[in-house]
Amino acid sequence: MGSVEDEVKQLIIDVLQLEDVTPADIDTDAPLFIDGLGLDSIDALELGVALHKRYGISLSGDAEEVRRHFASVRSLAAMIASHRTK
């Protein structure tokens, strides 16, 4: 799954225009919000739009489920991988 995780890291960097950040700088298991990468709700919205555009994934419904998917790069990659197998 490493390649999907790398895709997610690059997507985060590109969409959020994180200058001076490389995929290697992003910990796959670190939280994306608050403590880890420090993203906020606007970042989540932008990332959600990018996920929809690139992978056709729509995140709606249960807020707890969305939070779980956005917990880390690894959880986003797992969601993308499971979406691809459907």
PDB file of N, CA and C in Angstrom:
ATOM      1  N   MET A   1       0.824  -1.206   0.000  1.00  0.00           N
ATOM      2  CA  MET A   1       0.000   0.000   0.000  1.00  0.00           C
ATOM      3  C   MET A   1       0.860   1.259   0.000  1.00  0.00           C
ATOM      4  N   GLY A   2       2.152   1.096   0.079  1.00  0.00           N
ATOM      5  CA  GLY A   2       3.031   2.251   0.120  1.00  0.00           C
ATOM      6  C   GLY A   2       2.781   3.255  -0.976  1.00  0.00           C
ATOM      7  N   SER A   3       2.492   2.788  -2.176  1.00  0.00           N
ATOM      8  CA  SER A   3       2.295   3.722  -3.283  1.00  0.00           C
ATOM      9  C   SER A   3       1.050   4.583  -3.090  1.00  0.00           C
ATOM     10  N   VAL A   4      -0.018   4.014  -2.554  1.00  0.00           N
ATOM     11  CA  VAL A   4      -1.226   4.805  -2.283  1.00  0.00           C
ATOM     12  C   VAL A   4      -0.923   5.834  -1.195  1.00  0.00           C
ATOM     13  N   GLU A   5      -0.175   5.421  -0.201  1.00  0.00           N
ATOM     14  CA  GLU A   5       0.205   6.364   0.862  1.00  0.00           C
ATOM     15  C   GLU A   5       1.038   7.499   0.300  1.00  0.00           C
ATOM     16  N   ASP A   6       1.947   7.184  -0.618  1.00  0.00           N
ATOM     17  CA  ASP A   6       2.752   8.233  -1.251  1.00  0.00           C
ATOM     18  C   ASP A   6       1.874   9.163  -2.089  1.00  0.00           C
ATOM     19  N   GLU A   7       0.872   8.594  -2.772  1.00  0.00           N
ATOM     20  CA  GLU A   7      -0.079   9.416  -3.542  1.00  0.00           C
ATOM     21  C   GLU A   7      -0.809  10.383  -2.623  1.00  0.00           C
ATOM     22  N   VAL A   8      -1.251   9.887  -1.486  1.00  0.00           N
ATOM     23  CA  VAL A   8      -1.988  10.727  -0.524  1.00  0.00           C
ATOM     24  C   VAL A   8      -1.082  11.840   0.000  1.00  0.00           C
ATOM     25  N   LYS A   9       0.143  11.506   0.322  1.00  0.00           N
ATOM     26  CA  LYS A   9       1.081  12.527   0.809  1.00  0.00           C
ATOM     27  C   LYS A   9       1.290  13.610  -0.234  1.00  0.00           C
ATOM     28  N   GLN A  10       1.487  13.199  -1.484  1.00  0.00           N
ATOM     29  CA  GLN A  10       1.698  14.183  -2.552  1.00  0.00           C
ATOM     30  C   GLN A  10       0.437  15.005  -2.780  1.00  0.00           C
ATOM     31  N   LEU A  11      -0.723  14.367  -2.690  1.00  0.00           N
ATOM     32  CA  LEU A  11      -1.990  15.083  -2.839  1.00  0.00           C
ATOM     33  C   LEU A  11      -2.130  16.157  -1.761  1.00  0.00           C
ATOM     34  N   ILE A  12      -1.818  15.813  -0.530  1.00  0.00           N
ATOM     35  CA  ILE A  12      -1.882  16.777   0.575  1.00  0.00           C
ATOM     36  C   ILE A  12      -0.956  17.955   0.290  1.00  0.00           C
ATOM     37  N   ILE A  13       0.254  17.663  -0.122  1.00  0.00           N
ATOM     38  CA  ILE A  13       1.226  18.723  -0.408  1.00  0.00           C
ATOM     39  C   ILE A  13       0.731  19.624  -1.537  1.00  0.00           C
ATOM     40  N   ASP A  14       0.239  19.017  -2.612  1.00  0.00           N
ATOM     41  CA  ASP A  14      -0.203  19.782  -3.783  1.00  0.00           C
ATOM     42  C   ASP A  14      -1.447  20.615  -3.493  1.00  0.00           C
ATOM     43  N   VAL A  15      -2.452  19.973  -2.914  1.00  0.00           N
ATOM     44  CA  VAL A  15      -3.734  20.653  -2.684  1.00  0.00           C
ATOM     45  C   VAL A  15      -3.596  21.777  -1.667  1.00  0.00           C
ATOM     46  N   LEU A  16      -2.841  21.526  -0.628  1.00  0.00           N
ATOM     47  CA  LEU A  16      -2.721  22.518   0.447  1.00  0.00           C
ATOM     48  C   LEU A  16      -1.523  23.440   0.246  1.00  0.00           C
ATOM     49  N   GLN A  17      -0.833  23.254  -0.873  1.00  0.00           N
ATOM     50  CA  GLN A  17       0.307  24.098  -1.227  1.00  0.00           C
ATOM     51  C   GLN A  17       1.296  24.234  -0.070  1.00  0.00           C
ATOM     52  N   LEU A  18       1.705  23.083   0.444  1.00  0.00           N
ATOM     53  CA  LEU A  18       2.660  23.053   1.553  1.00  0.00           C
ATOM     54  C   LEU A  18       4.067  23.198   0.999  1.00  0.00           C
ATOM     55  N   GLU A  19       4.573  24.400   1.071  1.00  0.00           N
ATOM     56  CA  GLU A  19       5.912  24.670   0.563  1.00  0.00           C
ATOM     57  C   GLU A  19       6.951  24.067   1.503  1.00  0.00           C
ATOM     58  N   ASP A  20       8.040  23.650   0.925  1.00  0.00           N
ATOM     59  CA  ASP A  20       9.159  23.082   1.681  1.00  0.00           C
ATOM     60  C   ASP A  20       8.784  21.807   2.435  1.00  0.00           C
ATOM     61  N   VAL A  21       7.737  21.103   1.991  1.00  0.00           N
ATOM     62  CA  VAL A  21       7.354  19.827   2.592  1.00  0.00           C
ATOM     63  C   VAL A  21       7.452  18.770   1.497  1.00  0.00           C
ATOM     64  N   THR A  22       8.089  17.657   1.818  1.00  0.00           N
ATOM     65  CA  THR A  22       8.177  16.538   0.883  1.00  0.00           C
ATOM     66  C   THR A  22       7.358  15.378   1.436  1.00  0.00           C
ATOM     67  N   PRO A  23       7.009  14.406   0.601  1.00  0.00           N
ATOM     68  CA  PRO A  23       6.285  13.239   1.119  1.00  0.00           C
ATOM     69  C   PRO A  23       7.020  12.562   2.274  1.00  0.00           C
ATOM     70  N   ALA A  24       8.337  12.553   2.221  1.00  0.00           N
ATOM     71  CA  ALA A  24       9.123  11.927   3.295  1.00  0.00           C
ATOM     72  C   ALA A  24       8.964  12.662   4.627  1.00  0.00           C
ATOM     73  N   ASP A  25       8.580  13.942   4.572  1.00  0.00           N
ATOM     74  CA  ASP A  25       8.405  14.729   5.791  1.00  0.00           C
ATOM     75  C   ASP A  25       7.103  14.394   6.524  1.00  0.00           C
ATOM     76  N   ILE A  26       6.188  13.746   5.831  1.00  0.00           N
ATOM     77  CA  ILE A  26       4.872  13.459   6.411  1.00  0.00           C
ATOM     78  C   ILE A  26       4.865  12.037   6.954  1.00  0.00           C
ATOM     79  N   ASP A  27       4.627  11.917   8.255  1.00  0.00           N
ATOM     80  CA  ASP A  27       4.562  10.616   8.920  1.00  0.00           C
ATOM     81  C   ASP A  27       3.240   9.943   8.546  1.00  0.00           C
ATOM     82  N   THR A  28       3.333   8.744   8.017  1.00  0.00           N
ATOM     83  CA  THR A  28       2.160   8.008   7.543  1.00  0.00           C
ATOM     84  C   THR A  28       1.131   7.790   8.645  1.00  0.00           C
ATOM     85  N   ASP A  29       1.575   7.622   9.881  1.00  0.00           N
ATOM     86  CA  ASP A  29       0.669   7.318  10.984  1.00  0.00           C
ATOM     87  C   ASP A  29       0.353   8.507  11.884  1.00  0.00           C
ATOM     88  N   ALA A  30       0.957   9.653  11.615  1.00  0.00           N
ATOM     89  CA  ALA A  30       0.709  10.831  12.452  1.00  0.00           C
ATOM     90  C   ALA A  30      -0.686  11.390  12.172  1.00  0.00           C
ATOM     91  N   PRO A  31      -1.299  11.985  13.173  1.00  0.00           N
ATOM     92  CA  PRO A  31      -2.606  12.611  12.944  1.00  0.00           C
ATOM     93  C   PRO A  31      -2.483  13.733  11.913  1.00  0.00           C
ATOM     94  N   LEU A  32      -3.495  13.870  11.075  1.00  0.00           N
ATOM     95  CA  LEU A  32      -3.482  14.951  10.092  1.00  0.00           C
ATOM     96  C   LEU A  32      -3.899  16.273  10.709  1.00  0.00           C
ATOM     97  N   PHE A  33      -4.702  16.208  11.761  1.00  0.00           N
ATOM     98  CA  PHE A  33      -5.246  17.422  12.369  1.00  0.00           C
ATOM     99  C   PHE A  33      -4.666  17.643  13.755  1.00  0.00           C
ATOM    100  N   ILE A  34      -4.654  18.889  14.146  1.00  0.00           N
ATOM    101  CA  ILE A  34      -4.209  19.371  15.446  1.00  0.00           C
ATOM    102  C   ILE A  34      -2.738  19.042  15.687  1.00  0.00           C
ATOM    103  N   ASP A  35      -2.417  17.922  16.345  1.00  0.00           N
ATOM    104  CA  ASP A  35      -1.041  17.642  16.751  1.00  0.00           C
ATOM    105  C   ASP A  35      -0.101  17.298  15.609  1.00  0.00           C
ATOM    106  N   GLY A  36      -0.497  16.408  14.744  1.00  0.00           N
ATOM    107  CA  GLY A  36       0.399  15.908  13.701  1.00  0.00           C
ATOM    108  C   GLY A  36       0.732  16.948  12.653  1.00  0.00           C
ATOM    109  N   LEU A  37       0.105  16.849  11.500  1.00  0.00           N
ATOM    110  CA  LEU A  37       0.366  17.761  10.386  1.00  0.00           C
ATOM    111  C   LEU A  37      -0.244  19.138  10.643  1.00  0.00           C
ATOM    112  N   GLY A  38      -1.194  19.209  11.558  1.00  0.00           N
ATOM    113  CA  GLY A  38      -1.769  20.495  11.945  1.00  0.00           C
ATOM    114  C   GLY A  38      -2.792  21.062  10.983  1.00  0.00           C
ATOM    115  N   LEU A  39      -3.475  20.195  10.242  1.00  0.00           N
ATOM    116  CA  LEU A  39      -4.493  20.675   9.312  1.00  0.00           C
ATOM    117  C   LEU A  39      -5.718  21.171  10.074  1.00  0.00           C
ATOM    118  N   ASP A  40      -6.532  21.996   9.383  1.00  0.00           N
ATOM    119  CA  ASP A  40      -7.758  22.497   9.997  1.00  0.00           C
ATOM    120  C   ASP A  40      -8.958  22.114   9.137  1.00  0.00           C
ATOM    121  N   SER A  41     -10.138  22.602   9.502  1.00  0.00           N
ATOM    122  CA  SER A  41     -11.365  22.209   8.803  1.00  0.00           C
ATOM    123  C   SER A  41     -11.387  22.674   7.350  1.00  0.00           C
ATOM    124  N   ILE A  42     -10.803  23.820   7.062  1.00  0.00           N
ATOM    125  CA  ILE A  42     -10.733  24.301   5.672  1.00  0.00           C
ATOM    126  C   ILE A  42      -9.836  23.363   4.856  1.00  0.00           C
ATOM    127  N   ASP A  43      -8.721  22.948   5.451  1.00  0.00           N
ATOM    128  CA  ASP A  43      -7.839  21.989   4.787  1.00  0.00           C
ATOM    129  C   ASP A  43      -8.584  20.682   4.498  1.00  0.00           C
ATOM    130  N   ALA A  44      -9.383  20.240   5.453  1.00  0.00           N
ATOM    131  CA  ALA A  44     -10.161  19.004   5.277  1.00  0.00           C
ATOM    132  C   ALA A  44     -11.131  19.142   4.116  1.00  0.00           C
ATOM    133  N   LEU A  45     -11.767  20.286   4.014  1.00  0.00           N
ATOM    134  CA  LEU A  45     -12.709  20.525   2.919  1.00  0.00           C
ATOM    135  C   LEU A  45     -11.981  20.481   1.579  1.00  0.00           C
ATOM    136  N   GLU A  46     -10.854  21.163   1.478  1.00  0.00           N
ATOM    137  CA  GLU A  46     -10.074  21.181   0.238  1.00  0.00           C
ATOM    138  C   GLU A  46      -9.583  19.777  -0.119  1.00  0.00           C
ATOM    139  N   LEU A  47      -9.166  19.042   0.884  1.00  0.00           N
ATOM    140  CA  LEU A  47      -8.688  17.681   0.660  1.00  0.00           C
ATOM    141  C   LEU A  47      -9.840  16.773   0.226  1.00  0.00           C
ATOM    142  N   GLY A  48     -11.007  16.964   0.816  1.00  0.00           N
ATOM    143  CA  GLY A  48     -12.187  16.193   0.427  1.00  0.00           C
ATOM    144  C   GLY A  48     -12.570  16.433  -1.021  1.00  0.00           C
ATOM    145  N   VAL A  49     -12.503  17.682  -1.459  1.00  0.00           N
ATOM    146  CA  VAL A  49     -12.800  18.021  -2.861  1.00  0.00           C
ATOM    147  C   VAL A  49     -11.771  17.353  -3.777  1.00  0.00           C
ATOM    148  N   ALA A  50     -10.505  17.395  -3.386  1.00  0.00           N
ATOM    149  CA  ALA A  50      -9.449  16.783  -4.195  1.00  0.00           C
ATOM    150  C   ALA A  50      -9.626  15.266  -4.277  1.00  0.00           C
ATOM    151  N   LEU A  51     -10.026  14.637  -3.178  1.00  0.00           N
ATOM    152  CA  LEU A  51     -10.273  13.191  -3.190  1.00  0.00           C
ATOM    153  C   LEU A  51     -11.416  12.853  -4.141  1.00  0.00           C
ATOM    154  N   HIS A  52     -12.426  13.694  -4.155  1.00  0.00           N
ATOM    155  CA  HIS A  52     -13.559  13.475  -5.054  1.00  0.00           C
ATOM    156  C   HIS A  52     -13.126  13.613  -6.517  1.00  0.00           C
ATOM    157  N   LYS A  53     -12.364  14.656  -6.795  1.00  0.00           N
ATOM    158  CA  LYS A  53     -11.912  14.884  -8.172  1.00  0.00           C
ATOM    159  C   LYS A  53     -10.984  13.783  -8.661  1.00  0.00           C
ATOM    160  N   ARG A  54     -10.032  13.395  -7.836  1.00  0.00           N
ATOM    161  CA  ARG A  54      -9.024  12.432  -8.276  1.00  0.00           C
ATOM    162  C   ARG A  54      -9.506  10.988  -8.234  1.00  0.00           C
ATOM    163  N   TYR A  55     -10.260  10.631  -7.182  1.00  0.00           N
ATOM    164  CA  TYR A  55     -10.626   9.228  -6.988  1.00  0.00           C
ATOM    165  C   TYR A  55     -12.127   8.955  -7.092  1.00  0.00           C
ATOM    166  N   GLY A  56     -12.928   9.992  -7.243  1.00  0.00           N
ATOM    167  CA  GLY A  56     -14.374   9.800  -7.314  1.00  0.00           C
ATOM    168  C   GLY A  56     -15.000   9.427  -5.988  1.00  0.00           C
ATOM    169  N   ILE A  57     -14.326   9.762  -4.907  1.00  0.00           N
ATOM    170  CA  ILE A  57     -14.809   9.421  -3.565  1.00  0.00           C
ATOM    171  C   ILE A  57     -15.586  10.593  -2.996  1.00  0.00           C
ATOM    172  N   SER A  58     -16.815  10.329  -2.591  1.00  0.00           N
ATOM    173  CA  SER A  58     -17.629  11.355  -1.941  1.00  0.00           C
ATOM    174  C   SER A  58     -17.707  11.042  -0.460  1.00  0.00           C
ATOM    175  N   LEU A  59     -17.310  11.996   0.346  1.00  0.00           N
ATOM    176  CA  LEU A  59     -17.355  11.835   1.796  1.00  0.00           C
ATOM    177  C   LEU A  59     -18.546  12.597   2.339  1.00  0.00           C
ATOM    178  N   SER A  60     -19.544  11.853   2.714  1.00  0.00           N
ATOM    179  CA  SER A  60     -20.717  12.484   3.308  1.00  0.00           C
ATOM    180  C   SER A  60     -21.325  11.505   4.292  1.00  0.00           C
ATOM    181  N   GLY A  61     -22.279  11.998   5.028  1.00  0.00           N
ATOM    182  CA  GLY A  61     -22.938  11.115   5.978  1.00  0.00           C
ATOM    183  C   GLY A  61     -22.359  11.244   7.367  1.00  0.00           C
ATOM    184  N   ASP A  62     -21.991  10.119   7.932  1.00  0.00           N
ATOM    185  CA  ASP A  62     -21.556  10.026   9.319  1.00  0.00           C
ATOM    186  C   ASP A  62     -20.253  10.796   9.561  1.00  0.00           C
ATOM    187  N   ALA A  63     -20.345  11.831  10.367  1.00  0.00           N
ATOM    188  CA  ALA A  63     -19.170  12.657  10.665  1.00  0.00           C
ATOM    189  C   ALA A  63     -18.071  11.841  11.350  1.00  0.00           C
ATOM    190  N   GLU A  64     -18.462  10.897  12.179  1.00  0.00           N
ATOM    191  CA  GLU A  64     -17.472  10.067  12.871  1.00  0.00           C
ATOM    192  C   GLU A  64     -16.700   9.202  11.869  1.00  0.00           C
ATOM    193  N   GLU A  65     -17.389   8.698  10.860  1.00  0.00           N
ATOM    194  CA  GLU A  65     -16.732   7.900   9.829  1.00  0.00           C
ATOM    195  C   GLU A  65     -15.747   8.759   9.039  1.00  0.00           C
ATOM    196  N   VAL A  66     -16.136   9.976   8.703  1.00  0.00           N
ATOM    197  CA  VAL A  66     -15.246  10.887   7.974  1.00  0.00           C
ATOM    198  C   VAL A  66     -14.017  11.199   8.819  1.00  0.00           C
ATOM    199  N   ARG A  67     -14.218  11.454  10.112  1.00  0.00           N
ATOM    200  CA  ARG A  67     -13.078  11.719  11.007  1.00  0.00           C
ATOM    201  C   ARG A  67     -12.122  10.533  11.041  1.00  0.00           C
ATOM    202  N   ARG A  68     -12.682   9.337  11.044  1.00  0.00           N
ATOM    203  CA  ARG A  68     -11.856   8.134  11.080  1.00  0.00           C
ATOM    204  C   ARG A  68     -11.019   8.027   9.796  1.00  0.00           C
ATOM    205  N   HIS A  69     -11.622   8.320   8.646  1.00  0.00           N
ATOM    206  CA  HIS A  69     -10.886   8.269   7.379  1.00  0.00           C
ATOM    207  C   HIS A  69      -9.783   9.320   7.330  1.00  0.00           C
ATOM    208  N   PHE A  70     -10.023  10.483   7.909  1.00  0.00           N
ATOM    209  CA  PHE A  70      -9.056  11.578   7.878  1.00  0.00           C
ATOM    210  C   PHE A  70      -8.093  11.548   9.072  1.00  0.00           C
ATOM    211  N   ALA A  71      -8.033  10.451   9.781  1.00  0.00           N
ATOM    212  CA  ALA A  71      -7.180  10.378  10.968  1.00  0.00           C
ATOM    213  C   ALA A  71      -5.698  10.467  10.616  1.00  0.00           C
ATOM    214  N   SER A  72      -5.300   9.832   9.518  1.00  0.00           N
ATOM    215  CA  SER A  72      -3.882   9.800   9.134  1.00  0.00           C
ATOM    216  C   SER A  72      -3.771   9.511   7.642  1.00  0.00           C
ATOM    217  N   VAL A  73      -2.565   9.625   7.135  1.00  0.00           N
ATOM    218  CA  VAL A  73      -2.313   9.265   5.736  1.00  0.00           C
ATOM    219  C   VAL A  73      -2.671   7.792   5.525  1.00  0.00           C
ATOM    220  N   ARG A  74      -2.308   6.948   6.478  1.00  0.00           N
ATOM    221  CA  ARG A  74      -2.583   5.515   6.351  1.00  0.00           C
ATOM    222  C   ARG A  74      -4.083   5.245   6.250  1.00  0.00           C
ATOM    223  N   SER A  75      -4.892   5.923   7.048  1.00  0.00           N
ATOM    224  CA  SER A  75      -6.335   5.683   6.998  1.00  0.00           C
ATOM    225  C   SER A  75      -6.945   6.213   5.696  1.00  0.00           C
ATOM    226  N   LEU A  76      -6.454   7.337   5.198  1.00  0.00           N
ATOM    227  CA  LEU A  76      -6.928   7.833   3.897  1.00  0.00           C
ATOM    228  C   LEU A  76      -6.532   6.874   2.780  1.00  0.00           C
ATOM    229  N   ALA A  77      -5.316   6.368   2.823  1.00  0.00           N
ATOM    230  CA  ALA A  77      -4.854   5.422   1.806  1.00  0.00           C
ATOM    231  C   ALA A  77      -5.685   4.144   1.838  1.00  0.00           C
ATOM    232  N   ALA A  78      -6.020   3.670   3.029  1.00  0.00           N
ATOM    233  CA  ALA A  78      -6.842   2.468   3.149  1.00  0.00           C
ATOM    234  C   ALA A  78      -8.228   2.703   2.560  1.00  0.00           C
ATOM    235  N   MET A  79      -8.795   3.884   2.792  1.00  0.00           N
ATOM    236  CA  MET A  79     -10.109   4.196   2.244  1.00  0.00           C
ATOM    237  C   MET A  79     -10.041   4.222   0.708  1.00  0.00           C
ATOM    238  N   ILE A  80      -9.005   4.846   0.168  1.00  0.00           N
ATOM    239  CA  ILE A  80      -8.839   4.914  -1.293  1.00  0.00           C
ATOM    240  C   ILE A  80      -8.669   3.510  -1.866  1.00  0.00           C
ATOM    241  N   ALA A  81      -7.841   2.698  -1.224  1.00  0.00           N
ATOM    242  CA  ALA A  81      -7.606   1.328  -1.702  1.00  0.00           C
ATOM    243  C   ALA A  81      -8.893   0.507  -1.676  1.00  0.00           C
ATOM    244  N   SER A  82      -9.695   0.666  -0.633  1.00  0.00           N
ATOM    245  CA  SER A  82     -10.956  -0.086  -0.567  1.00  0.00           C
ATOM    246  C   SER A  82     -11.950   0.429  -1.605  1.00  0.00           C
ATOM    247  N   HIS A  83     -11.910   1.701  -1.891  1.00  0.00           N
ATOM    248  CA  HIS A  83     -12.790   2.278  -2.915  1.00  0.00           C
ATOM    249  C   HIS A  83     -12.415   1.751  -4.295  1.00  0.00           C
ATOM    250  N   ARG A  84     -11.144   1.562  -4.540  1.00  0.00           N
ATOM    251  CA  ARG A  84     -10.665   1.063  -5.837  1.00  0.00           C
ATOM    252  C   ARG A  84     -11.089  -0.380  -6.081  1.00  0.00           C
ATOM    253  N   THR A  85     -11.277  -1.150  -5.032  1.00  0.00           N
ATOM    254  CA  THR A  85     -11.625  -2.559  -5.197  1.00  0.00           C
ATOM    255  C   THR A  85     -13.119  -2.777  -5.358  1.00  0.00           C
ATOM    256  N   LYS A  86     -13.909  -1.728  -5.227  1.00  0.00           N
ATOM    257  CA  LYS A  86     -15.366  -1.866  -5.351  1.00  0.00           C
ATOM    258  C   LYS A  86     -15.773  -1.906  -6.787  1.00  0.00           C
TER     259      LYS A  86
END
